[in-house]
């Protein structure tokens, strides 16, 4: 009994990868947020690439990669960052931190 309680407690404090189902939900939320932010910012040609994450305590820390042409603006990036973050946090309630990275596609 003590071992099981201790094991569960250790798993809560040790960072570990997220289950595929949660990563799928993160990607869905990121895509919804990206679509909305593209409408508002006027940027074009961006897509969600890879999604990774870890569980840290009771929360999730996720990394979302956005791919697109290299001609978008910093103002556009900020709108996209906000939209993706909002979409992810609405879709997956345990997300505490969303880190966004941009990868330029070779056109």
PDB file of N, CA and C in Angstrom:
ATOM      1  N   UNK A   1       0.825  -1.191   0.000  1.00  0.00           N
ATOM      2  CA  UNK A   1       0.000   0.000   0.000  1.00  0.00           C
ATOM      3  C   UNK A   1       0.874   1.262   0.000  1.00  0.00           C
ATOM      4  N   UNK A   2       1.881   1.260   0.846  1.00  0.00           N
ATOM      5  CA  UNK A   2       2.780   2.415   0.917  1.00  0.00           C
ATOM      6  C   UNK A   2       3.555   2.606  -0.373  1.00  0.00           C
ATOM      7  N   UNK A   3       3.968   1.495  -0.982  1.00  0.00           N
ATOM      8  CA  UNK A   3       4.694   1.568  -2.254  1.00  0.00           C
ATOM      9  C   UNK A   3       3.835   2.186  -3.340  1.00  0.00           C
ATOM     10  N   UNK A   4       2.585   1.762  -3.424  1.00  0.00           N
ATOM     11  CA  UNK A   4       1.679   2.295  -4.452  1.00  0.00           C
ATOM     12  C   UNK A   4       1.436   3.784  -4.256  1.00  0.00           C
ATOM     13  N   UNK A   5       1.254   4.214  -3.030  1.00  0.00           N
ATOM     14  CA  UNK A   5       1.055   5.635  -2.751  1.00  0.00           C
ATOM     15  C   UNK A   5       2.302   6.435  -3.096  1.00  0.00           C
ATOM     16  N   UNK A   6       3.455   5.892  -2.722  1.00  0.00           N
ATOM     17  CA  UNK A   6       4.714   6.572  -3.031  1.00  0.00           C
ATOM     18  C   UNK A   6       4.985   6.627  -4.514  1.00  0.00           C
ATOM     19  N   UNK A   7       4.669   5.559  -5.227  1.00  0.00           N
ATOM     20  CA  UNK A   7       4.865   5.523  -6.677  1.00  0.00           C
ATOM     21  C   UNK A   7       3.978   6.566  -7.355  1.00  0.00           C
ATOM     22  N   UNK A   8       2.724   6.646  -6.946  1.00  0.00           N
ATOM     23  CA  UNK A   8       1.798   7.629  -7.521  1.00  0.00           C
ATOM     24  C   UNK A   8       2.286   9.050  -7.242  1.00  0.00           C
ATOM     25  N   UNK A   9       2.774   9.287  -6.038  1.00  0.00           N
ATOM     26  CA  UNK A   9       3.273  10.624  -5.686  1.00  0.00           C
ATOM     27  C   UNK A   9       4.500  10.977  -6.503  1.00  0.00           C
ATOM     28  N   UNK A  10       5.402  10.024  -6.697  1.00  0.00           N
ATOM     29  CA  UNK A  10       6.606  10.280  -7.499  1.00  0.00           C
ATOM     30  C   UNK A  10       6.246  10.575  -8.948  1.00  0.00           C
ATOM     31  N   UNK A  11       5.277   9.869  -9.488  1.00  0.00           N
ATOM     32  CA  UNK A  11       4.866  10.109 -10.860  1.00  0.00           C
ATOM     33  C   UNK A  11       4.269  11.501 -11.039  1.00  0.00           C
ATOM     34  N   UNK A  12       3.669  12.027  -9.994  1.00  0.00           N
ATOM     35  CA  UNK A  12       3.101  13.377 -10.072  1.00  0.00           C
ATOM     36  C   UNK A  12       4.182  14.455 -10.114  1.00  0.00           C
ATOM     37  N   UNK A  13       5.317  14.217  -9.458  1.00  0.00           N
ATOM     38  CA  UNK A  13       6.336  15.267  -9.409  1.00  0.00           C
ATOM     39  C   UNK A  13       7.408  15.110 -10.483  1.00  0.00           C
ATOM     40  N   UNK A  14       7.440  13.979 -11.169  1.00  0.00           N
ATOM     41  CA  UNK A  14       8.429  13.753 -12.212  1.00  0.00           C
ATOM     42  C   UNK A  14       7.821  14.124 -13.560  1.00  0.00           C
ATOM     43  N   UNK A  15       8.532  14.937 -14.318  1.00  0.00           N
ATOM     44  CA  UNK A  15       8.058  15.291 -15.654  1.00  0.00           C
ATOM     45  C   UNK A  15       8.083  14.049 -16.536  1.00  0.00           C
ATOM     46  N   UNK A  16       7.010  13.867 -17.308  1.00  0.00           N
ATOM     47  CA  UNK A  16       6.971  12.743 -18.230  1.00  0.00           C
ATOM     48  C   UNK A  16       6.161  13.124 -19.455  1.00  0.00           C
ATOM     49  N   UNK A  17       6.334  12.374 -20.535  1.00  0.00           N
ATOM     50  CA  UNK A  17       5.656  12.674 -21.793  1.00  0.00           C
ATOM     51  C   UNK A  17       4.148  12.516 -21.693  1.00  0.00           C
ATOM     52  N   UNK A  18       3.465  13.156 -22.627  1.00  0.00           N
ATOM     53  CA  UNK A  18       2.010  13.096 -22.653  1.00  0.00           C
ATOM     54  C   UNK A  18       1.526  11.926 -23.489  1.00  0.00           C
ATOM     55  N   UNK A  19       0.352  11.432 -23.139  1.00  0.00           N
ATOM     56  CA  UNK A  19      -0.274  10.344 -23.875  1.00  0.00           C
ATOM     57  C   UNK A  19      -0.689  10.838 -25.261  1.00  0.00           C
ATOM     58  N   UNK A  20      -0.710   9.932 -26.256  1.00  0.00           N
ATOM     59  CA  UNK A  20      -1.097  10.316 -27.618  1.00  0.00           C
ATOM     60  C   UNK A  20      -2.463  10.990 -27.708  1.00  0.00           C
ATOM     61  N   UNK A  21      -3.417  10.566 -26.876  1.00  0.00           N
ATOM     62  CA  UNK A  21      -4.753  11.173 -26.915  1.00  0.00           C
ATOM     63  C   UNK A  21      -4.706  12.648 -26.521  1.00  0.00           C
ATOM     64  N   UNK A  22      -3.891  12.963 -25.532  1.00  0.00           N
ATOM     65  CA  UNK A  22      -3.774  14.364 -25.094  1.00  0.00           C
ATOM     66  C   UNK A  22      -3.058  15.172 -26.168  1.00  0.00           C
ATOM     67  N   UNK A  23      -2.018  14.603 -26.770  1.00  0.00           N
ATOM     68  CA  UNK A  23      -1.310  15.313 -27.843  1.00  0.00           C
ATOM     69  C   UNK A  23      -2.240  15.562 -29.031  1.00  0.00           C
ATOM     70  N   UNK A  24      -3.113  14.606 -29.341  1.00  0.00           N
ATOM     71  CA  UNK A  24      -4.096  14.813 -30.413  1.00  0.00           C
ATOM     72  C   UNK A  24      -5.029  15.975 -30.078  1.00  0.00           C
ATOM     73  N   UNK A  25      -5.468  16.042 -28.820  1.00  0.00           N
ATOM     74  CA  UNK A  25      -6.341  17.143 -28.398  1.00  0.00           C
ATOM     75  C   UNK A  25      -5.611  18.477 -28.452  1.00  0.00           C
ATOM     76  N   UNK A  26      -4.341  18.476 -28.069  1.00  0.00           N
ATOM     77  CA  UNK A  26      -3.529  19.701 -28.145  1.00  0.00           C
ATOM     78  C   UNK A  26      -3.451  20.169 -29.590  1.00  0.00           C
ATOM     79  N   UNK A  27      -3.198  19.229 -30.513  1.00  0.00           N
ATOM     80  CA  UNK A  27      -3.088  19.597 -31.929  1.00  0.00           C
ATOM     81  C   UNK A  27      -4.422  20.129 -32.456  1.00  0.00           C
ATOM     82  N   UNK A  28      -5.532  19.506 -32.064  1.00  0.00           N
ATOM     83  CA  UNK A  28      -6.852  19.994 -32.495  1.00  0.00           C
ATOM     84  C   UNK A  28      -7.095  21.416 -31.997  1.00  0.00           C
ATOM     85  N   UNK A  29      -6.773  21.661 -30.730  1.00  0.00           N
ATOM     86  CA  UNK A  29      -6.942  23.006 -30.180  1.00  0.00           C
ATOM     87  C   UNK A  29      -6.047  24.016 -30.872  1.00  0.00           C
ATOM     88  N   UNK A  30      -4.808  23.614 -31.167  1.00  0.00           N
ATOM     89  CA  UNK A  30      -3.867  24.506 -31.858  1.00  0.00           C
ATOM     90  C   UNK A  30      -4.383  24.840 -33.251  1.00  0.00           C
ATOM     91  N   UNK A  31      -4.917  23.844 -33.947  1.00  0.00           N
ATOM     92  CA  UNK A  31      -5.443  24.085 -35.293  1.00  0.00           C
ATOM     93  C   UNK A  31      -6.646  25.015 -35.264  1.00  0.00           C
ATOM     94  N   UNK A  32      -7.538  24.830 -34.293  1.00  0.00           N
ATOM     95  CA  UNK A  32      -8.698  25.731 -34.164  1.00  0.00           C
ATOM     96  C   UNK A  32      -8.230  27.157 -33.885  1.00  0.00           C
ATOM     97  N   UNK A  33      -7.280  27.302 -32.964  1.00  0.00           N
ATOM     98  CA  UNK A  33      -6.765  28.630 -32.641  1.00  0.00           C
ATOM     99  C   UNK A  33      -6.045  29.266 -33.810  1.00  0.00           C
ATOM    100  N   UNK A  34      -5.310  28.455 -34.584  1.00  0.00           N
ATOM    101  CA  UNK A  34      -4.602  28.974 -35.748  1.00  0.00           C
ATOM    102  C   UNK A  34      -5.579  29.480 -36.800  1.00  0.00           C
ATOM    103  N   UNK A  35      -6.619  28.712 -37.061  1.00  0.00           N
ATOM    104  CA  UNK A  35      -7.621  29.130 -38.059  1.00  0.00           C
ATOM    105  C   UNK A  35      -8.224  30.467 -37.661  1.00  0.00           C
ATOM    106  N   UNK A  36      -8.591  30.601 -36.396  1.00  0.00           N
ATOM    107  CA  UNK A  36      -9.201  31.855 -35.923  1.00  0.00           C
ATOM    108  C   UNK A  36      -8.206  33.013 -36.016  1.00  0.00           C
ATOM    109  N   UNK A  37      -6.965  32.784 -35.616  1.00  0.00           N
ATOM    110  CA  UNK A  37      -5.985  33.878 -35.642  1.00  0.00           C
ATOM    111  C   UNK A  37      -5.596  34.258 -37.069  1.00  0.00           C
ATOM    112  N   UNK A  38      -5.629  33.302 -37.997  1.00  0.00           N
ATOM    113  CA  UNK A  38      -5.349  33.641 -39.398  1.00  0.00           C
ATOM    114  C   UNK A  38      -6.427  34.560 -39.954  1.00  0.00           C
ATOM    115  N   UNK A  39      -7.668  34.323 -39.576  1.00  0.00           N
ATOM    116  CA  UNK A  39      -8.768  35.204 -40.009  1.00  0.00           C
ATOM    117  C   UNK A  39      -8.547  36.623 -39.489  1.00  0.00           C
ATOM    118  N   UNK A  40      -8.145  36.729 -38.234  1.00  0.00           N
ATOM    119  CA  UNK A  40      -7.986  38.037 -37.603  1.00  0.00           C
ATOM    120  C   UNK A  40      -6.720  38.765 -38.052  1.00  0.00           C
ATOM    121  N   UNK A  41      -5.638  38.029 -38.284  1.00  0.00           N
ATOM    122  CA  UNK A  41      -4.357  38.671 -38.596  1.00  0.00           C
ATOM    123  C   UNK A  41      -4.147  38.924 -40.079  1.00  0.00           C
ATOM    124  N   UNK A  42      -4.855  38.170 -40.925  1.00  0.00           N
ATOM    125  CA  UNK A  42      -4.663  38.313 -42.356  1.00  0.00           C
ATOM    126  C   UNK A  42      -3.463  37.549 -42.897  1.00  0.00           C
ATOM    127  N   UNK A  43      -2.733  36.849 -42.029  1.00  0.00           N
ATOM    128  CA  UNK A  43      -1.605  36.024 -42.471  1.00  0.00           C
ATOM    129  C   UNK A  43      -2.153  34.824 -43.240  1.00  0.00           C
ATOM    130  N   UNK A  44      -1.306  34.230 -44.080  1.00  0.00           N
ATOM    131  CA  UNK A  44      -1.735  33.098 -44.892  1.00  0.00           C
ATOM    132  C   UNK A  44      -0.651  32.026 -44.939  1.00  0.00           C
ATOM    133  N   UNK A  45      -1.092  30.803 -45.214  1.00  0.00           N
ATOM    134  CA  UNK A  45      -0.163  29.723 -45.486  1.00  0.00           C
ATOM    135  C   UNK A  45       0.480  29.057 -44.293  1.00  0.00           C
ATOM    136  N   UNK A  46      -0.048  29.260 -43.097  1.00  0.00           N
ATOM    137  CA  UNK A  46       0.537  28.647 -41.906  1.00  0.00           C
ATOM    138  C   UNK A  46      -0.218  27.382 -41.535  1.00  0.00           C
ATOM    139  N   UNK A  47       0.508  26.390 -41.036  1.00  0.00           N
ATOM    140  CA  UNK A  47      -0.096  25.137 -40.581  1.00  0.00           C
ATOM    141  C   UNK A  47       0.568  24.709 -39.276  1.00  0.00           C
ATOM    142  N   UNK A  48      -0.116  23.838 -38.558  1.00  0.00           N
ATOM    143  CA  UNK A  48       0.464  23.266 -37.346  1.00  0.00           C
ATOM    144  C   UNK A  48       1.337  22.088 -37.757  1.00  0.00           C
ATOM    145  N   UNK A  49       2.571  22.087 -37.286  1.00  0.00           N
ATOM    146  CA  UNK A  49       3.489  20.982 -37.551  1.00  0.00           C
ATOM    147  C   UNK A  49       3.459  20.010 -36.392  1.00  0.00           C
ATOM    148  N   UNK A  50       4.582  19.854 -35.727  1.00  0.00           N
ATOM    149  CA  UNK A  50       4.680  18.917 -34.613  1.00  0.00           C
ATOM    150  C   UNK A  50       4.141  19.477 -33.315  1.00  0.00           C
ATOM    151  N   UNK A  51       3.717  18.556 -32.464  1.00  0.00           N
ATOM    152  CA  UNK A  51       3.228  18.894 -31.129  1.00  0.00           C
ATOM    153  C   UNK A  51       3.890  17.930 -30.144  1.00  0.00           C
ATOM    154  N   UNK A  52       4.480  18.478 -29.084  1.00  0.00           N
ATOM    155  CA  UNK A  52       5.100  17.673 -28.031  1.00  0.00           C
ATOM    156  C   UNK A  52       4.636  18.220 -26.697  1.00  0.00           C
ATOM    157  N   UNK A  53       4.853  17.452 -25.650  1.00  0.00           N
ATOM    158  CA  UNK A  53       4.491  17.960 -24.346  1.00  0.00           C
ATOM    159  C   UNK A  53       4.954  17.069 -23.221  1.00  0.00           C
ATOM    160  N   UNK A  54       4.947  17.645 -22.028  1.00  0.00           N
ATOM    161  CA  UNK A  54       5.277  16.903 -20.820  1.00  0.00           C
ATOM    162  C   UNK A  54       4.242  17.226 -19.757  1.00  0.00           C
ATOM    163  N   UNK A  55       4.100  16.276 -18.849  1.00  0.00           N
ATOM    164  CA  UNK A  55       3.240  16.510 -17.686  1.00  0.00           C
ATOM    165  C   UNK A  55       4.158  16.907 -16.555  1.00  0.00           C
ATOM    166  N   UNK A  56       3.885  18.019 -15.948  1.00  0.00           N
ATOM    167  CA  UNK A  56       4.697  18.510 -14.850  1.00  0.00           C
ATOM    168  C   UNK A  56       3.768  18.749 -13.663  1.00  0.00           C
ATOM    169  N   UNK A  57       3.803  17.836 -12.716  1.00  0.00           N
ATOM    170  CA  UNK A  57       2.850  17.907 -11.613  1.00  0.00           C
ATOM    171  C   UNK A  57       1.452  17.654 -12.139  1.00  0.00           C
ATOM    172  N   UNK A  58       0.539  18.544 -11.823  1.00  0.00           N
ATOM    173  CA  UNK A  58      -0.843  18.388 -12.274  1.00  0.00           C
ATOM    174  C   UNK A  58      -1.095  19.070 -13.613  1.00  0.00           C
ATOM    175  N   UNK A  59      -0.076  19.715 -14.185  1.00  0.00           N
ATOM    176  CA  UNK A  59      -0.258  20.517 -15.392  1.00  0.00           C
ATOM    177  C   UNK A  59       0.514  19.951 -16.579  1.00  0.00           C
ATOM    178  N   UNK A  60       0.173  20.471 -17.757  1.00  0.00           N
ATOM    179  CA  UNK A  60       0.852  20.091 -18.989  1.00  0.00           C
ATOM    180  C   UNK A  60       1.622  21.299 -19.527  1.00  0.00           C
ATOM    181  N   UNK A  61       2.801  21.027 -20.051  1.00  0.00           N
ATOM    182  CA  UNK A  61       3.592  22.020 -20.767  1.00  0.00           C
ATOM    183  C   UNK A  61       3.719  21.497 -22.187  1.00  0.00           C
ATOM    184  N   UNK A  62       3.240  22.278 -23.159  1.00  0.00           N
ATOM    185  CA  UNK A  62       3.232  21.790 -24.530  1.00  0.00           C
ATOM    186  C   UNK A  62       4.041  22.698 -25.452  1.00  0.00           C
ATOM    187  N   UNK A  63       4.621  22.068 -26.469  1.00  0.00           N
ATOM    188  CA  UNK A  63       5.372  22.763 -27.513  1.00  0.00           C
ATOM    189  C   UNK A  63       4.630  22.549 -28.822  1.00  0.00           C
ATOM    190  N   UNK A  64       4.283  23.647 -29.476  1.00  0.00           N
ATOM    191  CA  UNK A  64       3.562  23.590 -30.745  1.00  0.00           C
ATOM    192  C   UNK A  64       4.421  24.251 -31.806  1.00  0.00           C
ATOM    193  N   UNK A  65       4.590  23.558 -32.923  1.00  0.00           N
ATOM    194  CA  UNK A  65       5.381  24.094 -34.029  1.00  0.00           C
ATOM    195  C   UNK A  65       4.436  24.559 -35.134  1.00  0.00           C
ATOM    196  N   UNK A  66       4.624  25.784 -35.586  1.00  0.00           N
ATOM    197  CA  UNK A  66       3.853  26.345 -36.690  1.00  0.00           C
ATOM    198  C   UNK A  66       4.774  26.449 -37.893  1.00  0.00           C
ATOM    199  N   UNK A  67       4.305  25.983 -39.030  1.00  0.00           N
ATOM    200  CA  UNK A  67       5.094  26.025 -40.257  1.00  0.00           C
ATOM    201  C   UNK A  67       4.444  26.967 -41.245  1.00  0.00           C
ATOM    202  N   UNK A  68       5.279  27.694 -41.991  1.00  0.00           N
ATOM    203  CA  UNK A  68       4.739  28.599 -42.999  1.00  0.00           C
ATOM    204  C   UNK A  68       5.825  29.315 -43.763  1.00  0.00           C
ATOM    205  N   UNK A  69       5.405  30.174 -44.683  1.00  0.00           N
ATOM    206  CA  UNK A  69       6.375  30.948 -45.458  1.00  0.00           C
ATOM    207  C   UNK A  69       7.091  31.950 -44.546  1.00  0.00           C
ATOM    208  N   UNK A  70       8.250  32.385 -44.975  1.00  0.00           N
ATOM    209  CA  UNK A  70       9.050  33.261 -44.134  1.00  0.00           C
ATOM    210  C   UNK A  70       8.720  34.734 -44.228  1.00  0.00           C
ATOM    211  N   UNK A  71       7.595  35.085 -44.811  1.00  0.00           N
ATOM    212  CA  UNK A  71       7.308  36.503 -45.027  1.00  0.00           C
ATOM    213  C   UNK A  71       6.232  37.063 -44.098  1.00  0.00           C
ATOM    214  N   UNK A  72       5.952  36.411 -42.995  1.00  0.00           N
ATOM    215  CA  UNK A  72       4.945  36.997 -42.110  1.00  0.00           C
ATOM    216  C   UNK A  72       5.603  37.914 -41.090  1.00  0.00           C
ATOM    217  N   UNK A  73       4.794  38.773 -40.499  1.00  0.00           N
ATOM    218  CA  UNK A  73       5.307  39.847 -39.651  1.00  0.00           C
ATOM    219  C   UNK A  73       5.346  39.444 -38.184  1.00  0.00           C
ATOM    220  N   UNK A  74       6.065  40.206 -37.408  1.00  0.00           N
ATOM    221  CA  UNK A  74       6.103  39.984 -35.967  1.00  0.00           C
ATOM    222  C   UNK A  74       4.725  40.217 -35.358  1.00  0.00           C
ATOM    223  N   UNK A  75       4.012  41.208 -35.844  1.00  0.00           N
ATOM    224  CA  UNK A  75       2.646  41.466 -35.376  1.00  0.00           C
ATOM    225  C   UNK A  75       1.750  40.263 -35.684  1.00  0.00           C
ATOM    226  N   UNK A  76       1.931  39.710 -36.872  1.00  0.00           N
ATOM    227  CA  UNK A  76       1.178  38.513 -37.251  1.00  0.00           C
ATOM    228  C   UNK A  76       1.535  37.334 -36.368  1.00  0.00           C
ATOM    229  N   UNK A  77       2.824  37.188 -36.057  1.00  0.00           N
ATOM    230  CA  UNK A  77       3.256  36.102 -35.175  1.00  0.00           C
ATOM    231  C   UNK A  77       2.597  36.231 -33.810  1.00  0.00           C
ATOM    232  N   UNK A  78       2.540  37.427 -33.278  1.00  0.00           N
ATOM    233  CA  UNK A  78       1.945  37.632 -31.953  1.00  0.00           C
ATOM    234  C   UNK A  78       0.465  37.247 -31.956  1.00  0.00           C
ATOM    235  N   UNK A  79      -0.250  37.617 -33.015  1.00  0.00           N
ATOM    236  CA  UNK A  79      -1.666  37.244 -33.122  1.00  0.00           C
ATOM    237  C   UNK A  79      -1.815  35.724 -33.203  1.00  0.00           C
ATOM    238  N   UNK A  80      -0.925  35.095 -33.950  1.00  0.00           N
ATOM    239  CA  UNK A  80      -0.970  33.643 -34.095  1.00  0.00           C
ATOM    240  C   UNK A  80      -0.630  32.968 -32.775  1.00  0.00           C
ATOM    241  N   UNK A  81       0.370  33.472 -32.084  1.00  0.00           N
ATOM    242  CA  UNK A  81       0.744  32.907 -30.785  1.00  0.00           C
ATOM    243  C   UNK A  81      -0.415  32.955 -29.817  1.00  0.00           C
ATOM    244  N   UNK A  82      -1.071  34.097 -29.748  1.00  0.00           N
ATOM    245  CA  UNK A  82      -2.211  34.239 -28.838  1.00  0.00           C
ATOM    246  C   UNK A  82      -3.353  33.297 -29.225  1.00  0.00           C
ATOM    247  N   UNK A  83      -3.647  33.210 -30.520  1.00  0.00           N
ATOM    248  CA  UNK A  83      -4.729  32.356 -30.980  1.00  0.00           C
ATOM    249  C   UNK A  83      -4.468  30.888 -30.718  1.00  0.00           C
ATOM    250  N   UNK A  84      -3.250  30.433 -31.005  1.00  0.00           N
ATOM    251  CA  UNK A  84      -2.899  29.029 -30.785  1.00  0.00           C
ATOM    252  C   UNK A  84      -2.934  28.707 -29.291  1.00  0.00           C
ATOM    253  N   UNK A  85      -2.371  29.585 -28.476  1.00  0.00           N
ATOM    254  CA  UNK A  85      -2.370  29.369 -27.024  1.00  0.00           C
ATOM    255  C   UNK A  85      -3.797  29.277 -26.491  1.00  0.00           C
ATOM    256  N   UNK A  86      -4.641  30.183 -26.912  1.00  0.00           N
ATOM    257  CA  UNK A  86      -6.032  30.180 -26.468  1.00  0.00           C
ATOM    258  C   UNK A  86      -6.751  28.904 -26.919  1.00  0.00           C
ATOM    259  N   UNK A  87      -6.536  28.503 -28.182  1.00  0.00           N
ATOM    260  CA  UNK A  87      -7.177  27.293 -28.693  1.00  0.00           C
ATOM    261  C   UNK A  87      -6.758  26.046 -27.935  1.00  0.00           C
ATOM    262  N   UNK A  88      -5.470  25.945 -27.622  1.00  0.00           N
ATOM    263  CA  UNK A  88      -4.965  24.782 -26.888  1.00  0.00           C
ATOM    264  C   UNK A  88      -5.544  24.755 -25.478  1.00  0.00           C
ATOM    265  N   UNK A  89      -5.518  25.890 -24.797  1.00  0.00           N
ATOM    266  CA  UNK A  89      -6.010  25.931 -23.414  1.00  0.00           C
ATOM    267  C   UNK A  89      -7.519  25.694 -23.327  1.00  0.00           C
ATOM    268  N   UNK A  90      -8.267  26.055 -24.355  1.00  0.00           N
ATOM    269  CA  UNK A  90      -9.702  25.759 -24.368  1.00  0.00           C
ATOM    270  C   UNK A  90      -9.956  24.275 -24.597  1.00  0.00           C
ATOM    271  N   UNK A  91      -9.137  23.655 -25.429  1.00  0.00           N
ATOM    272  CA  UNK A  91      -9.330  22.243 -25.786  1.00  0.00           C
ATOM    273  C   UNK A  91      -8.862  21.296 -24.676  1.00  0.00           C
ATOM    274  N   UNK A  92      -7.745  21.637 -24.020  1.00  0.00           N
ATOM    275  CA  UNK A  92      -7.153  20.772 -23.001  1.00  0.00           C
ATOM    276  C   UNK A  92      -7.013  21.587 -21.718  1.00  0.00           C
ATOM    277  N   UNK A  93      -7.857  21.298 -20.761  1.00  0.00           N
ATOM    278  CA  UNK A  93      -7.938  22.126 -19.555  1.00  0.00           C
ATOM    279  C   UNK A  93      -6.691  22.119 -18.682  1.00  0.00           C
ATOM    280  N   UNK A  94      -5.880  21.067 -18.720  1.00  0.00           N
ATOM    281  CA  UNK A  94      -4.712  20.990 -17.851  1.00  0.00           C
ATOM    282  C   UNK A  94      -3.478  21.700 -18.374  1.00  0.00           C
ATOM    283  N   UNK A  95      -3.558  22.348 -19.531  1.00  0.00           N
ATOM    284  CA  UNK A  95      -2.380  23.005 -20.104  1.00  0.00           C
ATOM    285  C   UNK A  95      -2.093  24.300 -19.352  1.00  0.00           C
ATOM    286  N   UNK A  96      -0.873  24.402 -18.862  1.00  0.00           N
ATOM    287  CA  UNK A  96      -0.449  25.601 -18.133  1.00  0.00           C
ATOM    288  C   UNK A  96       0.419  26.497 -19.009  1.00  0.00           C
ATOM    289  N   UNK A  97       1.310  25.888 -19.816  1.00  0.00           N
ATOM    290  CA  UNK A  97       2.246  26.651 -20.641  1.00  0.00           C
ATOM    291  C   UNK A  97       2.194  26.125 -22.072  1.00  0.00           C
ATOM    292  N   UNK A  98       2.079  27.060 -23.029  1.00  0.00           N
ATOM    293  CA  UNK A  98       2.154  26.725 -24.453  1.00  0.00           C
ATOM    294  C   UNK A  98       3.352  27.462 -25.023  1.00  0.00           C
ATOM    295  N   UNK A  99       4.315  26.707 -25.522  1.00  0.00           N
ATOM    296  CA  UNK A  99       5.494  27.306 -26.159  1.00  0.00           C
ATOM    297  C   UNK A  99       5.339  27.123 -27.662  1.00  0.00           C
ATOM    298  N   UNK A 100       5.455  28.216 -28.379  1.00  0.00           N
ATOM    299  CA  UNK A 100       5.248  28.198 -29.828  1.00  0.00           C
ATOM    300  C   UNK A 100       6.567  28.434 -30.537  1.00  0.00           C
ATOM    301  N   UNK A 101       6.836  27.625 -31.549  1.00  0.00           N
ATOM    302  CA  UNK A 101       8.010  27.850 -32.384  1.00  0.00           C
ATOM    303  C   UNK A 101       7.562  27.903 -33.836  1.00  0.00           C
ATOM    304  N   UNK A 102       8.345  28.615 -34.624  1.00  0.00           N
ATOM    305  CA  UNK A 102       8.019  28.821 -36.046  1.00  0.00           C
ATOM    306  C   UNK A 102       9.086  28.142 -36.895  1.00  0.00           C
ATOM    307  N   UNK A 103       8.647  27.414 -37.880  1.00  0.00           N
ATOM    308  CA  UNK A 103       9.565  26.811 -38.851  1.00  0.00           C
ATOM    309  C   UNK A 103       9.179  27.320 -40.230  1.00  0.00           C
ATOM    310  N   UNK A 104      10.162  27.864 -40.918  1.00  0.00           N
ATOM    311  CA  UNK A 104       9.928  28.384 -42.277  1.00  0.00           C
ATOM    312  C   UNK A 104       9.972  27.220 -43.258  1.00  0.00           C
ATOM    313  N   UNK A 105       8.937  27.123 -44.067  1.00  0.00           N
ATOM    314  CA  UNK A 105       8.882  26.103 -45.115  1.00  0.00           C
ATOM    315  C   UNK A 105       9.655  26.568 -46.319  1.00  0.00           C
ATOM    316  N   UNK A 106      10.346  25.672 -46.931  1.00  0.00           N
ATOM    317  CA  UNK A 106      11.031  25.990 -48.189  1.00  0.00           C
ATOM    318  C   UNK A 106       9.988  25.950 -49.284  1.00  0.00           C
ATOM    319  N   UNK A 107       9.824  27.042 -49.989  1.00  0.00           N
ATOM    320  CA  UNK A 107       8.796  27.131 -51.026  1.00  0.00           C
ATOM    321  C   UNK A 107       9.411  27.014 -52.400  1.00  0.00           C
TER     322      UNK A 107
END
